[in-house]
Amino acid sequence: MERANLAEFMQLVQNPVRLIFLNFLSGLARGFGIAIGLTIIASLFLLFLTRVASLNLPIIGKFVAELVRIVNQQLQIYKLN
């Protein structure tokens, strides 16, 4: 079993085009997985945040108001430039 794996590895190392192609495919799959996973986590976080915001808690309201204020300030700065 180990000899077969070693022989397969040696064939892979001796063919750099195949090695680069397989590394490219694995990187592509890893990037796609990260993108999908991050999208799911971000959507769950936003769902949670909207549910908490609908409770109209003063702490959350102040936090959201502060975020809106900061974003508006940044927009004004970029509009002036």
PDB file of N, CA and C in Angstrom:
ATOM      1  N   MET A   1       0.829  -1.194   0.000  1.00  0.00           N
ATOM      2  CA  MET A   1       0.000   0.000   0.000  1.00  0.00           C
ATOM      3  C   MET A   1       0.869   1.252   0.000  1.00  0.00           C
ATOM      4  N   GLU A   2       1.862   1.294   0.885  1.00  0.00           N
ATOM      5  CA  GLU A   2       2.720   2.466   0.960  1.00  0.00           C
ATOM      6  C   GLU A   2       3.575   2.608  -0.290  1.00  0.00           C
ATOM      7  N   ARG A   3       3.988   1.474  -0.869  1.00  0.00           N
ATOM      8  CA  ARG A   3       4.790   1.532  -2.099  1.00  0.00           C
ATOM      9  C   ARG A   3       3.971   2.119  -3.249  1.00  0.00           C
ATOM     10  N   ALA A   4       2.706   1.772  -3.297  1.00  0.00           N
ATOM     11  CA  ALA A   4       1.843   2.307  -4.349  1.00  0.00           C
ATOM     12  C   ALA A   4       1.689   3.812  -4.181  1.00  0.00           C
ATOM     13  N   ASN A   5       1.510   4.261  -2.943  1.00  0.00           N
ATOM     14  CA  ASN A   5       1.389   5.694  -2.692  1.00  0.00           C
ATOM     15  C   ASN A   5       2.683   6.417  -3.019  1.00  0.00           C
ATOM     16  N   LEU A   6       3.817   5.814  -2.682  1.00  0.00           N
ATOM     17  CA  LEU A   6       5.111   6.419  -2.972  1.00  0.00           C
ATOM     18  C   LEU A   6       5.337   6.495  -4.478  1.00  0.00           C
ATOM     19  N   ALA A   7       4.994   5.431  -5.188  1.00  0.00           N
ATOM     20  CA  ALA A   7       5.150   5.431  -6.646  1.00  0.00           C
ATOM     21  C   ALA A   7       4.249   6.480  -7.290  1.00  0.00           C
ATOM     22  N   GLU A   8       3.039   6.598  -6.790  1.00  0.00           N
ATOM     23  CA  GLU A   8       2.109   7.603  -7.310  1.00  0.00           C
ATOM     24  C   GLU A   8       2.634   9.010  -7.046  1.00  0.00           C
ATOM     25  N   PHE A   9       3.196   9.221  -5.861  1.00  0.00           N
ATOM     26  CA  PHE A   9       3.769  10.520  -5.517  1.00  0.00           C
ATOM     27  C   PHE A   9       4.963  10.843  -6.414  1.00  0.00           C
ATOM     28  N   MET A  10       5.798   9.864  -6.674  1.00  0.00           N
ATOM     29  CA  MET A  10       6.967  10.084  -7.529  1.00  0.00           C
ATOM     30  C   MET A  10       6.539  10.427  -8.958  1.00  0.00           C
ATOM     31  N   GLN A  11       5.496   9.781  -9.457  1.00  0.00           N
ATOM     32  CA  GLN A  11       4.984  10.118 -10.787  1.00  0.00           C
ATOM     33  C   GLN A  11       4.453  11.544 -10.813  1.00  0.00           C
ATOM     34  N   LEU A  12       3.796  11.945  -9.738  1.00  0.00           N
ATOM     35  CA  LEU A  12       3.252  13.295  -9.660  1.00  0.00           C
ATOM     36  C   LEU A  12       4.367  14.330  -9.637  1.00  0.00           C
ATOM     37  N   VAL A  13       5.417  14.072  -8.872  1.00  0.00           N
ATOM     38  CA  VAL A  13       6.534  15.010  -8.774  1.00  0.00           C
ATOM     39  C   VAL A  13       7.283  15.102 -10.104  1.00  0.00           C
ATOM     40  N   GLN A  14       7.347  14.015 -10.831  1.00  0.00           N
ATOM     41  CA  GLN A  14       8.074  14.012 -12.100  1.00  0.00           C
ATOM     42  C   GLN A  14       7.288  14.682 -13.230  1.00  0.00           C
ATOM     43  N   ASN A  15       6.020  14.937 -13.012  1.00  0.00           N
ATOM     44  CA  ASN A  15       5.198  15.610 -14.021  1.00  0.00           C
ATOM     45  C   ASN A  15       4.742  16.955 -13.451  1.00  0.00           C
ATOM     46  N   PRO A  16       5.534  18.028 -13.624  1.00  0.00           N
ATOM     47  CA  PRO A  16       5.203  19.310 -12.993  1.00  0.00           C
ATOM     48  C   PRO A  16       3.915  19.941 -13.516  1.00  0.00           C
ATOM     49  N   VAL A  17       3.561  19.692 -14.762  1.00  0.00           N
ATOM     50  CA  VAL A  17       2.319  20.263 -15.299  1.00  0.00           C
ATOM     51  C   VAL A  17       1.116  19.689 -14.554  1.00  0.00           C
ATOM     52  N   ARG A  18       1.127  18.394 -14.334  1.00  0.00           N
ATOM     53  CA  ARG A  18       0.021  17.752 -13.597  1.00  0.00           C
ATOM     54  C   ARG A  18      -0.001  18.225 -12.145  1.00  0.00           C
ATOM     55  N   LEU A  19       1.174  18.398 -11.551  1.00  0.00           N
ATOM     56  CA  LEU A  19       1.260  18.876 -10.170  1.00  0.00           C
ATOM     57  C   LEU A  19       0.674  20.276 -10.047  1.00  0.00           C
ATOM     58  N   ILE A  20       1.031  21.159 -10.980  1.00  0.00           N
ATOM     59  CA  ILE A  20       0.495  22.524 -10.962  1.00  0.00           C
ATOM     60  C   ILE A  20      -1.013  22.503 -11.176  1.00  0.00           C
ATOM     61  N   PHE A  21      -1.485  21.677 -12.102  1.00  0.00           N
ATOM     62  CA  PHE A  21      -2.917  21.589 -12.374  1.00  0.00           C
ATOM     63  C   PHE A  21      -3.686  21.093 -11.150  1.00  0.00           C
ATOM     64  N   LEU A  22      -3.176  20.065 -10.486  1.00  0.00           N
ATOM     65  CA  LEU A  22      -3.856  19.539  -9.294  1.00  0.00           C
ATOM     66  C   LEU A  22      -3.833  20.550  -8.150  1.00  0.00           C
ATOM     67  N   ASN A  23      -2.724  21.279  -8.004  1.00  0.00           N
ATOM     68  CA  ASN A  23      -2.672  22.321  -6.980  1.00  0.00           C
ATOM     69  C   ASN A  23      -3.650  23.449  -7.295  1.00  0.00           C
ATOM     70  N   PHE A  24      -3.776  23.788  -8.572  1.00  0.00           N
ATOM     71  CA  PHE A  24      -4.736  24.807  -8.979  1.00  0.00           C
ATOM     72  C   PHE A  24      -6.163  24.372  -8.654  1.00  0.00           C
ATOM     73  N   LEU A  25      -6.494  23.126  -8.984  1.00  0.00           N
ATOM     74  CA  LEU A  25      -7.841  22.621  -8.697  1.00  0.00           C
ATOM     75  C   LEU A  25      -8.129  22.582  -7.200  1.00  0.00           C
ATOM     76  N   SER A  26      -7.138  22.175  -6.415  1.00  0.00           N
ATOM     77  CA  SER A  26      -7.367  22.130  -4.967  1.00  0.00           C
ATOM     78  C   SER A  26      -7.529  23.538  -4.403  1.00  0.00           C
ATOM     79  N   GLY A  27      -6.776  24.500  -4.912  1.00  0.00           N
ATOM     80  CA  GLY A  27      -6.937  25.885  -4.472  1.00  0.00           C
ATOM     81  C   GLY A  27      -8.281  26.457  -4.867  1.00  0.00           C
ATOM     82  N   LEU A  28      -8.729  26.109  -6.059  1.00  0.00           N
ATOM     83  CA  LEU A  28     -10.038  26.558  -6.526  1.00  0.00           C
ATOM     84  C   LEU A  28     -11.151  25.996  -5.645  1.00  0.00           C
ATOM     85  N   ALA A  29     -11.059  24.718  -5.319  1.00  0.00           N
ATOM     86  CA  ALA A  29     -12.067  24.089  -4.458  1.00  0.00           C
ATOM     87  C   ALA A  29     -12.036  24.690  -3.057  1.00  0.00           C
ATOM     88  N   ARG A  30     -10.841  24.950  -2.547  1.00  0.00           N
ATOM     89  CA  ARG A  30     -10.722  25.536  -1.214  1.00  0.00           C
ATOM     90  C   ARG A  30     -11.333  26.939  -1.190  1.00  0.00           C
ATOM     91  N   GLY A  31     -11.039  27.736  -2.213  1.00  0.00           N
ATOM     92  CA  GLY A  31     -11.599  29.087  -2.289  1.00  0.00           C
ATOM     93  C   GLY A  31     -13.111  29.071  -2.415  1.00  0.00           C
ATOM     94  N   PHE A  32     -13.636  28.154  -3.217  1.00  0.00           N
ATOM     95  CA  PHE A  32     -15.087  28.035  -3.377  1.00  0.00           C
ATOM     96  C   PHE A  32     -15.735  27.633  -2.057  1.00  0.00           C
ATOM     97  N   GLY A  33     -15.119  26.704  -1.346  1.00  0.00           N
ATOM     98  CA  GLY A  33     -15.652  26.274  -0.053  1.00  0.00           C
ATOM     99  C   GLY A  33     -15.648  27.393   0.969  1.00  0.00           C
ATOM    100  N   ILE A  34     -14.577  28.173   0.982  1.00  0.00           N
ATOM    101  CA  ILE A  34     -14.503  29.304   1.911  1.00  0.00           C
ATOM    102  C   ILE A  34     -15.583  30.321   1.574  1.00  0.00           C
ATOM    103  N   ALA A  35     -15.775  30.603   0.290  1.00  0.00           N
ATOM    104  CA  ALA A  35     -16.786  31.581  -0.116  1.00  0.00           C
ATOM    105  C   ALA A  35     -18.187  31.130   0.278  1.00  0.00           C
ATOM    106  N   ILE A  36     -18.507  29.876   0.041  1.00  0.00           N
ATOM    107  CA  ILE A  36     -19.835  29.357   0.400  1.00  0.00           C
ATOM    108  C   ILE A  36     -20.013  29.361   1.916  1.00  0.00           C
ATOM    109  N   GLY A  37     -19.003  28.896   2.635  1.00  0.00           N
ATOM    110  CA  GLY A  37     -19.089  28.857   4.095  1.00  0.00           C
ATOM    111  C   GLY A  37     -19.240  30.238   4.702  1.00  0.00           C
ATOM    112  N   LEU A  38     -18.463  31.193   4.205  1.00  0.00           N
ATOM    113  CA  LEU A  38     -18.552  32.553   4.727  1.00  0.00           C
ATOM    114  C   LEU A  38     -19.904  33.178   4.408  1.00  0.00           C
ATOM    115  N   THR A  39     -20.441  32.871   3.242  1.00  0.00           N
ATOM    116  CA  THR A  39     -21.765  33.379   2.881  1.00  0.00           C
ATOM    117  C   THR A  39     -22.831  32.848   3.832  1.00  0.00           C
ATOM    118  N   ILE A  40     -22.760  31.578   4.150  1.00  0.00           N
ATOM    119  CA  ILE A  40     -23.736  30.982   5.071  1.00  0.00           C
ATOM    120  C   ILE A  40     -23.603  31.589   6.460  1.00  0.00           C
ATOM    121  N   ILE A  41     -22.378  31.709   6.951  1.00  0.00           N
ATOM    122  CA  ILE A  41     -22.161  32.271   8.290  1.00  0.00           C
ATOM    123  C   ILE A  41     -22.605  33.727   8.343  1.00  0.00           C
ATOM    124  N   ALA A  42     -22.278  34.515   7.311  1.00  0.00           N
ATOM    125  CA  ALA A  42     -22.673  35.921   7.291  1.00  0.00           C
ATOM    126  C   ALA A  42     -24.190  36.067   7.229  1.00  0.00           C
ATOM    127  N   SER A  43     -24.854  35.223   6.451  1.00  0.00           N
ATOM    128  CA  SER A  43     -26.313  35.319   6.369  1.00  0.00           C
ATOM    129  C   SER A  43     -26.967  34.941   7.694  1.00  0.00           C
ATOM    130  N   LEU A  44     -26.423  33.934   8.370  1.00  0.00           N
ATOM    131  CA  LEU A  44     -26.961  33.582   9.689  1.00  0.00           C
ATOM    132  C   LEU A  44     -26.741  34.709  10.692  1.00  0.00           C
ATOM    133  N   PHE A  45     -25.579  35.354  10.622  1.00  0.00           N
ATOM    134  CA  PHE A  45     -25.302  36.480  11.511  1.00  0.00           C
ATOM    135  C   PHE A  45     -26.261  37.633  11.237  1.00  0.00           C
ATOM    136  N   LEU A  46     -26.489  37.938   9.968  1.00  0.00           N
ATOM    137  CA  LEU A  46     -27.417  39.018   9.633  1.00  0.00           C
ATOM    138  C   LEU A  46     -28.847  38.670  10.031  1.00  0.00           C
ATOM    139  N   LEU A  47     -29.227  37.413   9.893  1.00  0.00           N
ATOM    140  CA  LEU A  47     -30.552  36.985  10.332  1.00  0.00           C
ATOM    141  C   LEU A  47     -30.694  37.183  11.838  1.00  0.00           C
ATOM    142  N   PHE A  48     -29.670  36.774  12.574  1.00  0.00           N
ATOM    143  CA  PHE A  48     -29.672  36.961  14.025  1.00  0.00           C
ATOM    144  C   PHE A  48     -29.729  38.444  14.377  1.00  0.00           C
ATOM    145  N   LEU A  49     -28.954  39.263  13.668  1.00  0.00           N
ATOM    146  CA  LEU A  49     -28.920  40.693  13.958  1.00  0.00           C
ATOM    147  C   LEU A  49     -30.265  41.352  13.669  1.00  0.00           C
ATOM    148  N   THR A  50     -30.942  40.946  12.596  1.00  0.00           N
ATOM    149  CA  THR A  50     -32.252  41.530  12.306  1.00  0.00           C
ATOM    150  C   THR A  50     -33.288  41.108  13.345  1.00  0.00           C
ATOM    151  N   ARG A  51     -33.180  39.867  13.816  1.00  0.00           N
ATOM    152  CA  ARG A  51     -34.121  39.420  14.858  1.00  0.00           C
ATOM    153  C   ARG A  51     -33.899  40.202  16.152  1.00  0.00           C
ATOM    154  N   VAL A  52     -32.633  40.421  16.505  1.00  0.00           N
ATOM    155  CA  VAL A  52     -32.329  41.173  17.724  1.00  0.00           C
ATOM    156  C   VAL A  52     -32.725  42.633  17.551  1.00  0.00           C
ATOM    157  N   ALA A  53     -32.496  43.194  16.361  1.00  0.00           N
ATOM    158  CA  ALA A  53     -32.852  44.591  16.112  1.00  0.00           C
ATOM    159  C   ALA A  53     -34.365  44.786  16.156  1.00  0.00           C
ATOM    160  N   SER A  54     -35.121  43.765  15.785  1.00  0.00           N
ATOM    161  CA  SER A  54     -36.578  43.901  15.809  1.00  0.00           C
ATOM    162  C   SER A  54     -37.119  43.954  17.235  1.00  0.00           C
ATOM    163  N   LEU A  55     -36.308  43.518  18.201  1.00  0.00           N
ATOM    164  CA  LEU A  55     -36.722  43.619  19.598  1.00  0.00           C
ATOM    165  C   LEU A  55     -36.629  45.045  20.115  1.00  0.00           C
ATOM    166  N   ASN A  56     -35.956  45.907  19.348  1.00  0.00           N
ATOM    167  CA  ASN A  56     -35.817  47.325  19.666  1.00  0.00           C
ATOM    168  C   ASN A  56     -35.149  47.535  21.026  1.00  0.00           C
ATOM    169  N   LEU A  57     -34.064  46.843  21.237  1.00  0.00           N
ATOM    170  CA  LEU A  57     -33.294  47.010  22.463  1.00  0.00           C
ATOM    171  C   LEU A  57     -32.485  48.303  22.390  1.00  0.00           C
ATOM    172  N   PRO A  58     -32.425  49.071  23.480  1.00  0.00           N
ATOM    173  CA  PRO A  58     -31.707  50.349  23.447  1.00  0.00           C
ATOM    174  C   PRO A  58     -30.221  50.197  23.112  1.00  0.00           C
ATOM    175  N   ILE A  59     -29.594  49.154  23.611  1.00  0.00           N
ATOM    176  CA  ILE A  59     -28.161  48.971  23.364  1.00  0.00           C
ATOM    177  C   ILE A  59     -27.919  48.714  21.881  1.00  0.00           C
ATOM    178  N   ILE A  60     -28.733  47.850  21.296  1.00  0.00           N
ATOM    179  CA  ILE A  60     -28.592  47.537  19.876  1.00  0.00           C
ATOM    180  C   ILE A  60     -28.922  48.767  19.031  1.00  0.00           C
ATOM    181  N   GLY A  61     -29.939  49.500  19.435  1.00  0.00           N
ATOM    182  CA  GLY A  61     -30.317  50.708  18.703  1.00  0.00           C
ATOM    183  C   GLY A  61     -29.202  51.735  18.694  1.00  0.00           C
ATOM    184  N   LYS A  62     -28.544  51.917  19.831  1.00  0.00           N
ATOM    185  CA  LYS A  62     -27.419  52.857  19.896  1.00  0.00           C
ATOM    186  C   LYS A  62     -26.271  52.374  19.025  1.00  0.00           C
ATOM    187  N   PHE A  63     -26.028  51.075  19.048  1.00  0.00           N
ATOM    188  CA  PHE A  63     -24.945  50.505  18.242  1.00  0.00           C
ATOM    189  C   PHE A  63     -25.211  50.717  16.755  1.00  0.00           C
ATOM    190  N   VAL A  64     -26.426  50.427  16.323  1.00  0.00           N
ATOM    191  CA  VAL A  64     -26.781  50.597  14.912  1.00  0.00           C
ATOM    192  C   VAL A  64     -26.733  52.077  14.529  1.00  0.00           C
ATOM    193  N   ALA A  65     -27.201  52.947  15.406  1.00  0.00           N
ATOM    194  CA  ALA A  65     -27.155  54.385  15.130  1.00  0.00           C
ATOM    195  C   ALA A  65     -25.712  54.864  14.987  1.00  0.00           C
ATOM    196  N   GLU A  66     -24.836  54.353  15.826  1.00  0.00           N
ATOM    197  CA  GLU A  66     -23.417  54.716  15.740  1.00  0.00           C
ATOM    198  C   GLU A  66     -22.813  54.221  14.425  1.00  0.00           C
ATOM    199  N   LEU A  67     -23.169  53.005  14.026  1.00  0.00           N
ATOM    200  CA  LEU A  67     -22.682  52.485  12.742  1.00  0.00           C
ATOM    201  C   LEU A  67     -23.168  53.346  11.575  1.00  0.00           C
ATOM    202  N   VAL A  68     -24.416  53.734  11.606  1.00  0.00           N
ATOM    203  CA  VAL A  68     -24.973  54.570  10.542  1.00  0.00           C
ATOM    204  C   VAL A  68     -24.268  55.918  10.507  1.00  0.00           C
ATOM    205  N   ARG A  69     -23.995  56.477  11.672  1.00  0.00           N
ATOM    206  CA  ARG A  69     -23.297  57.765  11.744  1.00  0.00           C
ATOM    207  C   ARG A  69     -21.896  57.658  11.150  1.00  0.00           C
ATOM    208  N   ILE A  70     -21.181  56.592  11.488  1.00  0.00           N
ATOM    209  CA  ILE A  70     -19.818  56.398  10.976  1.00  0.00           C
ATOM    210  C   ILE A  70     -19.835  56.216   9.460  1.00  0.00           C
ATOM    211  N   VAL A  71     -20.777  55.434   8.967  1.00  0.00           N
ATOM    212  CA  VAL A  71     -20.870  55.214   7.518  1.00  0.00           C
ATOM    213  C   VAL A  71     -21.188  56.518   6.803  1.00  0.00           C
ATOM    214  N   ASN A  72     -22.103  57.305   7.343  1.00  0.00           N
ATOM    215  CA  ASN A  72     -22.440  58.588   6.721  1.00  0.00           C
ATOM    216  C   ASN A  72     -21.247  59.535   6.710  1.00  0.00           C
ATOM    217  N   GLN A  73     -20.469  59.555   7.798  1.00  0.00           N
ATOM    218  CA  GLN A  73     -19.268  60.393   7.831  1.00  0.00           C
ATOM    219  C   GLN A  73     -18.284  59.962   6.752  1.00  0.00           C
ATOM    220  N   GLN A  74     -18.081  58.657   6.616  1.00  0.00           N
ATOM    221  CA  GLN A  74     -17.148  58.163   5.603  1.00  0.00           C
ATOM    222  C   GLN A  74     -17.643  58.489   4.195  1.00  0.00           C
ATOM    223  N   LEU A  75     -18.941  58.409   3.980  1.00  0.00           N
ATOM    224  CA  LEU A  75     -19.485  58.757   2.672  1.00  0.00           C
ATOM    225  C   LEU A  75     -19.264  60.231   2.365  1.00  0.00           C
ATOM    226  N   GLN A  76     -19.436  61.089   3.356  1.00  0.00           N
ATOM    227  CA  GLN A  76     -19.210  62.520   3.158  1.00  0.00           C
ATOM    228  C   GLN A  76     -17.749  62.806   2.842  1.00  0.00           C
ATOM    229  N   ILE A  77     -16.842  62.101   3.511  1.00  0.00           N
ATOM    230  CA  ILE A  77     -15.409  62.297   3.262  1.00  0.00           C
ATOM    231  C   ILE A  77     -15.073  61.902   1.829  1.00  0.00           C
ATOM    232  N   TYR A  78     -15.600  60.767   1.366  1.00  0.00           N
ATOM    233  CA  TYR A  78     -15.297  60.307   0.009  1.00  0.00           C
ATOM    234  C   TYR A  78     -15.974  61.161  -1.054  1.00  0.00           C
ATOM    235  N   LYS A  79     -17.119  61.762  -0.732  1.00  0.00           N
ATOM    236  CA  LYS A  79     -17.781  62.638  -1.693  1.00  0.00           C
ATOM    237  C   LYS A  79     -16.996  63.927  -1.882  1.00  0.00           C
ATOM    238  N   LEU A  80     -16.324  64.397  -0.823  1.00  0.00           N
ATOM    239  CA  LEU A  80     -15.541  65.623  -0.923  1.00  0.00           C
ATOM    240  C   LEU A  80     -14.281  65.418  -1.748  1.00  0.00           C
ATOM    241  N   ASN A  81     -13.761  64.217  -1.751  1.00  0.00           N
ATOM    242  CA  ASN A  81     -12.535  63.934  -2.531  1.00  0.00           C
ATOM    243  C   ASN A  81     -12.936  63.691  -3.922  1.00  0.00           C
TER     244      ASN A  81
END
